[in-house]
Protein backbone atom coordinates (compact mmCIF):
# COMPACT_ATOMS: atom_id res chain seq x y z
CA MET A 1 0.00 0.00 0.00
CA ALA A 2 2.81 2.42 0.87
CA LYS A 3 4.54 1.70 -2.45
CA GLU A 4 1.39 2.52 -4.41
CA GLN A 5 0.99 5.78 -2.55
CA THR A 6 4.65 6.65 -3.16
CA LYS A 7 4.23 5.91 -6.88
CA LYS A 8 1.17 8.16 -7.06
CA GLU A 9 3.00 10.96 -5.28
CA THR A 10 6.01 10.56 -7.58
CA LYS A 11 3.80 10.64 -10.70
CA ARG A 12 2.02 13.71 -9.36
CA GLU A 13 5.30 15.46 -8.60
CA LEU A 14 6.65 14.62 -12.06
CA GLY A 15 3.44 15.92 -13.60
CA VAL A 16 3.72 19.20 -11.70
CA LEU A 17 7.37 19.59 -12.66
CA ARG A 18 6.60 18.89 -16.33
CA TYR A 19 3.75 21.40 -16.21
CA LEU A 20 6.02 24.09 -14.73
CA ARG A 21 8.77 23.35 -17.26
CA ASP A 22 6.32 23.48 -20.18
CA THR A 23 4.79 26.70 -18.86
CA ARG A 24 8.22 28.30 -18.59
CA GLY A 25 9.02 27.24 -22.14
CA GLU A 26 5.77 28.71 -23.46
CA LEU A 27 6.35 31.98 -21.62
CA ARG A 28 9.73 32.29 -23.35
CA LYS A 29 7.92 32.22 -26.71
CA VAL A 30 5.63 35.12 -25.80
CA THR A 31 6.25 38.45 -27.50
CA TRP A 32 5.77 40.89 -24.66
CA PRO A 33 4.62 44.45 -25.44
CA THR A 34 6.95 47.35 -24.86
CA ARG A 35 6.19 49.75 -22.03
CA GLU A 36 4.79 52.29 -24.50
CA GLU A 37 2.53 49.69 -26.12
CA ALA A 38 1.28 48.54 -22.73
CA LEU A 39 0.48 52.11 -21.69
CA LYS A 40 -1.28 52.82 -24.99
CA LEU A 41 -3.41 49.69 -24.70
CA THR A 42 -4.19 50.50 -21.06
CA TYR A 43 -5.43 53.96 -22.05
CA ILE A 44 -7.59 52.42 -24.77
CA VAL A 45 -9.15 49.97 -22.31
CA LEU A 46 -9.80 52.74 -19.77
CA GLY A 47 -11.31 54.98 -22.45
CA VAL A 48 -13.63 52.30 -23.78
CA THR A 49 -14.63 51.40 -20.22
CA LEU A 50 -15.51 55.01 -19.42
CA VAL A 51 -17.51 55.41 -22.62
CA PHE A 52 -19.53 52.25 -21.94
CA ALA A 53 -20.04 53.26 -18.30
CA ALA A 54 -21.40 56.64 -19.42
CA PHE A 55 -23.61 54.96 -22.03
CA LEU A 56 -25.01 52.47 -19.53
CA GLY A 57 -25.54 55.25 -16.98
CA PHE A 58 -27.46 57.23 -19.59
CA LEU A 59 -29.62 54.21 -20.47
CA ASP A 60 -30.30 53.65 -16.78
CA TRP A 61 -31.39 57.27 -16.40
CA VAL A 62 -33.64 57.05 -19.49
CA PHE A 63 -35.31 53.85 -18.30
CA SER A 64 -35.81 55.24 -14.80
CA GLN A 65 -37.49 58.33 -16.27
CA VAL A 66 -39.73 56.19 -18.48
CA PHE A 67 -40.76 53.97 -15.57
CA ARG A 68 -41.33 57.00 -13.36
CA LEU A 69 -43.70 58.45 -15.98
CA LEU A 70 -45.49 55.13 -16.47
CA PHE A 71 -46.05 54.34 -12.79
CA SER A 72 -46.74 57.76 -11.31
């Protein structure tokens, strides 16, 4: 019984090590953005987020006005 458990632990440890090694190898293949590219993309994401937040806020206001007129 102890040998089976040791084999399972060894297989699990080898699996984890292989996973970490493969992950490291894949991360080496990644083309990382430059600092300028990362900042530019961050500003784009923030801008789009703000625009959608304003749009959804406006829709919320419109619907609340419509419901207020309908139910009062």
